[in-house]
C-alpha atoms as a PDB file:
ATOM      1  CA  MET A   1      -1.964 100.543-134.285  1.00  0.00           C
ATOM      2  CA  SER A   2       0.726 100.074-131.923  1.00  0.00           C
ATOM      3  CA  ASP A   3       4.196  98.923-133.672  1.00  0.00           C
ATOM      4  CA  GLN A   4       3.927  96.094-131.813  1.00  0.00           C
ATOM      5  CA  PRO A   5       2.714  92.775-132.102  1.00  0.00           C
ATOM      6  CA  ARG A   6      -0.475  92.154-129.693  1.00  0.00           C
ATOM      7  CA  VAL A   7      -0.472  88.377-128.313  1.00  0.00           C
ATOM      8  CA  LEU A   8      -2.315  86.922-125.523  1.00  0.00           C
ATOM      9  CA  ALA A   9      -1.311  83.740-123.440  1.00  0.00           C
ATOM     10  CA  PHE A  10      -3.070  81.807-121.881  1.00  0.00           C
ATOM     11  CA  ALA A  11      -3.747  78.190-120.705  1.00  0.00           C
ATOM     12  CA  GLY A  12      -6.589  76.102-120.858  1.00  0.00           C
ATOM     13  CA  SER A  13      -6.140  74.967-116.675  1.00  0.00           C
ATOM     14  CA  ALA A  14      -7.240  76.504-113.707  1.00  0.00           C
ATOM     15  CA  ARG A  15      -4.984  74.128-111.600  1.00  0.00           C
ATOM     16  CA  THR A  16      -3.000  75.706-109.799  1.00  0.00           C
ATOM     17  CA  ASP A  17       0.818  74.645-110.773  1.00  0.00           C
ATOM     18  CA  SER A  18      -0.408  74.008-114.032  1.00  0.00           C
ATOM     19  CA  PHE A  19       2.192  72.274-116.658  1.00  0.00           C
ATOM     20  CA  ASN A  20       0.535  73.904-119.096  1.00  0.00           C
ATOM     21  CA  VAL A  21       0.554  77.772-117.291  1.00  0.00           C
ATOM     22  CA  LYS A  22       4.340  76.988-117.367  1.00  0.00           C
ATOM     23  CA  LEU A  23       4.500  75.807-120.928  1.00  0.00           C
ATOM     24  CA  VAL A  24       2.212  79.075-122.255  1.00  0.00           C
ATOM     25  CA  ASN A  25       3.980  81.994-119.911  1.00  0.00           C
ATOM     26  CA  ILE A  26       7.684  79.868-122.119  1.00  0.00           C
ATOM     27  CA  ALA A  27       6.756  80.442-124.824  1.00  0.00           C
ATOM     28  CA  ALA A  28       5.622  83.981-124.105  1.00  0.00           C
ATOM     29  CA  GLU A  29       8.732  84.557-123.103  1.00  0.00           C
ATOM     30  CA  GLY A  30       9.819  84.284-127.242  1.00  0.00           C
ATOM     31  CA  ALA A  31       6.743  86.230-127.759  1.00  0.00           C
ATOM     32  CA  ARG A  32       8.588  88.693-125.734  1.00  0.00           C
ATOM     33  CA  GLU A  33      11.724  88.363-127.188  1.00  0.00           C
ATOM     34  CA  ALA A  34      10.438  88.709-130.887  1.00  0.00           C
ATOM     35  CA  GLY A  35       9.339  91.895-130.123  1.00  0.00           C
ATOM     36  CA  ALA A  36       5.296  91.775-129.531  1.00  0.00           C
ATOM     37  CA  GLU A  37       3.669  93.444-126.283  1.00  0.00           C
ATOM     38  CA  VAL A  38       2.603  90.171-124.596  1.00  0.00           C
ATOM     39  CA  THR A  39       0.052  89.738-122.206  1.00  0.00           C
ATOM     40  CA  VAL A  40      -0.281  86.312-120.108  1.00  0.00           C
ATOM     41  CA  LEU A  41      -4.020  85.912-118.447  1.00  0.00           C
ATOM     42  CA  ASN A  42      -5.160  82.748-115.964  1.00  0.00           C
ATOM     43  CA  LEU A  43      -8.593  81.791-117.246  1.00  0.00           C
ATOM     44  CA  LYS A  44      -9.628  81.456-113.383  1.00  0.00           C
ATOM     45  CA  ASP A  45      -9.559  84.951-113.277  1.00  0.00           C
ATOM     46  CA  PHE A  46     -12.858  84.693-115.639  1.00  0.00           C
ATOM     47  CA  PRO A  47     -15.049  82.431-114.054  1.00  0.00           C
ATOM     48  CA  MET A  48     -18.093  81.536-116.448  1.00  0.00           C
ATOM     49  CA  PRO A  49     -21.191  79.726-116.461  1.00  0.00           C
ATOM     50  CA  ILE A  50     -21.601  76.855-118.872  1.00  0.00           C
ATOM     51  CA  PHE A  51     -21.977  78.395-122.690  1.00  0.00           C
ATOM     52  CA  ASN A  52     -26.781  78.089-122.961  1.00  0.00           C
ATOM     53  CA  GLN A  53     -27.730  79.706-125.242  1.00  0.00           C
ATOM     54  CA  ASP A  54     -31.226  80.737-123.108  1.00  0.00           C
ATOM     55  CA  LEU A  55     -28.780  81.873-120.059  1.00  0.00           C
ATOM     56  CA  GLU A  56     -27.572  84.344-122.737  1.00  0.00           C
ATOM     57  CA  ALA A  57     -30.910  84.923-124.534  1.00  0.00           C
ATOM     58  CA  ALA A  58     -32.342  85.285-120.829  1.00  0.00           C
ATOM     59  CA  GLU A  59     -29.691  87.173-119.659  1.00  0.00           C
ATOM     60  CA  GLY A  60     -26.727  88.434-122.023  1.00  0.00           C
ATOM     61  CA  PRO A  61     -23.144  87.118-122.144  1.00  0.00           C
ATOM     62  CA  PRO A  62     -21.507  86.961-118.829  1.00  0.00           C
ATOM     63  CA  GLU A  63     -18.900  90.164-117.431  1.00  0.00           C
ATOM     64  CA  GLN A  64     -16.476  87.528-117.610  1.00  0.00           C
ATOM     65  CA  ALA A  65     -16.941  86.254-121.069  1.00  0.00           C
ATOM     66  CA  THR A  66     -17.697  90.269-121.933  1.00  0.00           C
ATOM     67  CA  ARG A  67     -14.570  91.350-120.246  1.00  0.00           C
ATOM     68  CA  LEU A  68     -12.487  88.211-121.706  1.00  0.00           C
ATOM     69  CA  LYS A  69     -13.560  88.858-125.006  1.00  0.00           C
ATOM     70  CA  GLY A  70     -12.116  92.499-125.221  1.00  0.00           C
ATOM     71  CA  ILE A  71      -8.773  91.569-123.686  1.00  0.00           C
ATOM     72  CA  MET A  72      -9.117  89.172-127.361  1.00  0.00           C
ATOM     73  CA  LEU A  73      -9.894  91.039-129.802  1.00  0.00           C
ATOM     74  CA  ALA A  74      -6.527  93.926-128.449  1.00  0.00           C
ATOM     75  CA  HIS A  75      -4.627  90.709-129.395  1.00  0.00           C
ATOM     76  CA  GLU A  76      -3.138  89.532-133.422  1.00  0.00           C
ATOM     77  CA  GLY A  77      -1.732  86.271-131.295  1.00  0.00           C
ATOM     78  CA  LEU A  78      -2.992  83.371-129.915  1.00  0.00           C
ATOM     79  CA  LEU A  79      -0.733  81.584-127.355  1.00  0.00           C
ATOM     80  CA  ILE A  80      -2.607  78.490-126.088  1.00  0.00           C
ATOM     81  CA  ALA A  81      -1.554  75.574-124.227  1.00  0.00           C
ATOM     82  CA  SER A  82      -4.021  73.077-123.624  1.00  0.00           C
ATOM     83  CA  PRO A  83      -4.005  69.940-121.175  1.00  0.00           C
ATOM     84  CA  GLU A  84      -5.997  66.479-121.953  1.00  0.00           C
ATOM     85  CA  TYR A  85      -8.739  65.362-120.971  1.00  0.00           C
ATOM     86  CA  ASN A  86     -10.388  62.189-121.489  1.00  0.00           C
ATOM     87  CA  SER A  87      -8.328  62.749-125.409  1.00  0.00           C
ATOM     88  CA  SER A  88      -9.084  66.001-125.661  1.00  0.00           C
ATOM     89  CA  ILE A  89      -9.184  69.539-125.056  1.00  0.00           C
ATOM     90  CA  SER A  90     -10.150  70.577-120.884  1.00  0.00           C
ATOM     91  CA  PRO A  91     -13.879  71.812-120.678  1.00  0.00           C
ATOM     92  CA  LEU A  92     -12.914  75.059-119.232  1.00  0.00           C
ATOM     93  CA  LEU A  93     -11.240  75.655-122.709  1.00  0.00           C
ATOM     94  CA  LYS A  94     -14.064  74.747-124.390  1.00  0.00           C
ATOM     95  CA  ASN A  95     -15.996  76.542-122.928  1.00  0.00           C
ATOM     96  CA  THR A  96     -14.025  79.778-122.849  1.00  0.00           C
ATOM     97  CA  ILE A  97     -13.939  79.596-126.818  1.00  0.00           C
ATOM     98  CA  ASP A  98     -17.641  79.314-126.908  1.00  0.00           C
ATOM     99  CA  TRP A  99     -18.859  82.247-124.677  1.00  0.00           C
ATOM    100  CA  VAL A 100     -16.077  84.088-126.041  1.00  0.00           C
ATOM    101  CA  SER A 101     -17.384  83.727-130.533  1.00  0.00           C
ATOM    102  CA  ARG A 102     -20.675  84.870-129.552  1.00  0.00           C
ATOM    103  CA  PRO A 103     -21.461  87.605-131.393  1.00  0.00           C
ATOM    104  CA  ALA A 104     -22.135  91.422-130.214  1.00  0.00           C
ATOM    105  CA  ASP A 105     -25.639  93.215-131.025  1.00  0.00           C
ATOM    106  CA  GLY A 106     -23.749  94.410-134.489  1.00  0.00           C
ATOM    107  CA  GLU A 107     -21.093  92.236-134.966  1.00  0.00           C
ATOM    108  CA  PRO A 108     -19.958  90.063-137.565  1.00  0.00           C
ATOM    109  CA  MET A 109     -19.565  85.834-136.495  1.00  0.00           C
ATOM    110  CA  LEU A 110     -15.902  84.649-134.756  1.00  0.00           C
ATOM    111  CA  ALA A 111     -15.239  88.869-134.793  1.00  0.00           C
ATOM    112  CA  VAL A 112     -13.328  87.927-132.501  1.00  0.00           C
ATOM    113  CA  TYR A 113     -11.659  84.613-133.858  1.00  0.00           C
ATOM    114  CA  ARG A 114     -11.052  86.494-137.280  1.00  0.00           C
ATOM    115  CA  ASP A 115      -7.778  86.708-138.783  1.00  0.00           C
ATOM    116  CA  LYS A 116      -5.485  85.832-135.343  1.00  0.00           C
ATOM    117  CA  VAL A 117      -2.720  83.398-135.894  1.00  0.00           C
ATOM    118  CA  ALA A 118      -2.343  81.118-132.636  1.00  0.00           C
ATOM    119  CA  ALA A 119       0.161  78.988-131.841  1.00  0.00           C
ATOM    120  CA  VAL A 120      -1.568  75.572-129.038  1.00  0.00           C
ATOM    121  CA  MET A 121       1.075  73.751-127.040  1.00  0.00           C
ATOM    122  CA  SER A 122      -0.315  71.057-124.334  1.00  0.00           C
ATOM    123  CA  ALA A 123       1.441  69.343-121.194  1.00  0.00           C
ATOM    124  CA  SER A 124       1.379  66.180-119.669  1.00  0.00           C
ATOM    125  CA  PRO A 125       2.441  63.167-117.360  1.00  0.00           C
ATOM    126  CA  GLY A 126       0.965  61.128-120.138  1.00  0.00           C
ATOM    127  CA  GLY A 127       3.260  59.762-123.085  1.00  0.00           C
ATOM    128  CA  LEU A 128       2.026  62.285-126.091  1.00  0.00           C
ATOM    129  CA  GLY A 129       1.904  64.727-124.108  1.00  0.00           C
ATOM    130  CA  GLY A 130      -1.529  66.318-124.641  1.00  0.00           C
ATOM    131  CA  LEU A 131      -1.016  64.846-128.542  1.00  0.00           C
ATOM    132  CA  ARG A 132      -4.710  64.519-129.232  1.00  0.00           C
ATOM    133  CA  GLY A 133      -6.027  66.763-127.760  1.00  0.00           C
ATOM    134  CA  LEU A 134      -4.235  68.901-129.528  1.00  0.00           C
ATOM    135  CA  VAL A 135      -6.006  67.764-132.757  1.00  0.00           C
ATOM    136  CA  HIS A 136      -8.842  69.183-130.909  1.00  0.00           C
ATOM    137  CA  LEU A 137      -7.838  72.566-130.403  1.00  0.00           C
ATOM    138  CA  ARG A 138      -6.614  72.679-134.176  1.00  0.00           C
ATOM    139  CA  SER A 139      -9.519  72.166-135.512  1.00  0.00           C
ATOM    140  CA  ILE A 140     -11.661  73.997-133.214  1.00  0.00           C
ATOM    141  CA  LEU A 141      -9.719  77.154-134.088  1.00  0.00           C
ATOM    142  CA  SER A 142      -9.207  76.779-137.101  1.00  0.00           C
ATOM    143  CA  ASN A 143     -13.250  76.082-137.753  1.00  0.00           C
ATOM    144  CA  ILE A 144     -14.124  79.304-136.401  1.00  0.00           C
ATOM    145  CA  GLY A 145     -10.948  82.276-137.947  1.00  0.00           C
ATOM    146  CA  VAL A 146      -8.137  81.718-136.881  1.00  0.00           C
ATOM    147  CA  LEU A 147      -4.667  81.042-138.472  1.00  0.00           C
ATOM    148  CA  VAL A 148      -3.202  77.794-136.620  1.00  0.00           C
ATOM    149  CA  ILE A 149       0.581  77.832-137.466  1.00  0.00           C
ATOM    150  CA  PRO A 150       1.695  73.773-137.999  1.00  0.00           C
ATOM    151  CA  ASP A 151       4.919  73.565-135.511  1.00  0.00           C
ATOM    152  CA  GLN A 152       3.456  72.585-131.871  1.00  0.00           C
ATOM    153  CA  VAL A 153       4.714  71.455-129.506  1.00  0.00           C
ATOM    154  CA  ALA A 154       3.353  68.696-127.286  1.00  0.00           C
ATOM    155  CA  VAL A 155       5.678  67.512-123.413  1.00  0.00           C
ATOM    156  CA  THR A 156       6.132  64.279-122.086  1.00  0.00           C
ATOM    157  CA  GLN A 157       6.281  63.868-118.873  1.00  0.00           C
ATOM    158  CA  ALA A 158       5.390  66.679-117.959  1.00  0.00           C
ATOM    159  CA  HIS A 159       5.089  65.871-113.910  1.00  0.00           C
ATOM    160  CA  SER A 160       9.493  65.488-113.996  1.00  0.00           C
ATOM    161  CA  VAL A 161      10.320  67.530-116.744  1.00  0.00           C
ATOM    162  CA  PHE A 162      10.194  71.806-115.529  1.00  0.00           C
ATOM    163  CA  ASP A 163      12.904  73.246-113.232  1.00  0.00           C
ATOM    164  CA  ASP A 164      11.987  74.719-109.601  1.00  0.00           C
ATOM    165  CA  HIS A 165      11.170  77.937-112.637  1.00  0.00           C
ATOM    166  CA  GLY A 166       8.485  77.141-114.363  1.00  0.00           C
ATOM    167  CA  ASN A 167      11.619  76.062-117.735  1.00  0.00           C
ATOM    168  CA  LEU A 168      11.909  73.109-119.437  1.00  0.00           C
ATOM    169  CA  LEU A 169      15.502  71.435-118.021  1.00  0.00           C
ATOM    170  CA  ASP A 170      15.387  69.935-121.587  1.00  0.00           C
ATOM    171  CA  ALA A 171      17.008  73.698-123.283  1.00  0.00           C
ATOM    172  CA  LYS A 172      16.487  71.801-126.650  1.00  0.00           C
ATOM    173  CA  ARG A 173      12.750  71.539-126.036  1.00  0.00           C
ATOM    174  CA  GLN A 174      12.964  75.017-123.464  1.00  0.00           C
ATOM    175  CA  THR A 175      13.819  76.921-127.433  1.00  0.00           C
ATOM    176  CA  SER A 176      11.047  74.864-129.658  1.00  0.00           C
ATOM    177  CA  VAL A 177       8.789  76.055-127.057  1.00  0.00           C
ATOM    178  CA  GLN A 178      10.098  79.598-126.867  1.00  0.00           C
ATOM    179  CA  GLY A 179      10.308  78.979-131.136  1.00  0.00           C
ATOM    180  CA  LEU A 180       5.708  79.306-131.723  1.00  0.00           C
ATOM    181  CA  GLY A 181       5.986  82.321-129.768  1.00  0.00           C
ATOM    182  CA  ARG A 182       8.258  83.759-132.111  1.00  0.00           C
ATOM    183  CA  SER A 183       6.843  82.096-135.151  1.00  0.00           C
ATOM    184  CA  VAL A 184       3.229  83.852-133.892  1.00  0.00           C
ATOM    185  CA  VAL A 185       4.801  86.891-133.882  1.00  0.00           C
ATOM    186  CA  LYS A 186       6.839  87.165-136.927  1.00  0.00           C
ATOM    187  CA  LEU A 187       3.488  85.707-139.024  1.00  0.00           C
ATOM    188  CA  VAL A 188       1.432  88.290-137.261  1.00  0.00           C
ATOM    189  CA  GLY A 189       3.896  90.825-138.722  1.00  0.00           C
ATOM    190  CA  TRP A 190       2.664  89.308-142.440  1.00  0.00           C
ATOM    191  CA  ASN A 191      -0.824  89.266-141.223  1.00  0.00           C
ATOM    192  CA  ARG A 192      -0.494  93.159-140.938  1.00  0.00           C
END
């Protein structure tokens, strides 16, 4: 195992110019500054059908789910930015969590999630910043064995808070999001 903690960062959005992609990149910057090796990926590069156990039984897991699971297994920490869809998480994020959770032959249940440390965050044009969706995401992750840090960030009015480079205009908020990345790295170090 490398001396550097390994952190995987992604957003539950495939939208071009996604606020949540911008947000998770800021948290990833904080994790890098704290000494982590960070992999940032875009879920649109891992297209998968809607989870269906009959499909899984007939064809096995989709190739992209297996590929993403391998990447996730190689990382100890997670930074996840979740858009809020109708007061919950996006279908893309839920489908990803579900497919990746499926055990391979001889593998313990939820092996990909057990003992991971995660930070969650959201950005939304609305007045709550995606906070309602974070409640669901935190619950899902905690129930499948992920240690989700208590701190989180929900950025409101997301359509007007980022500069042209994807940074938050409010320096205090920028530091807070970077702090999520630093916190994950710190806890991964303690968890080793």
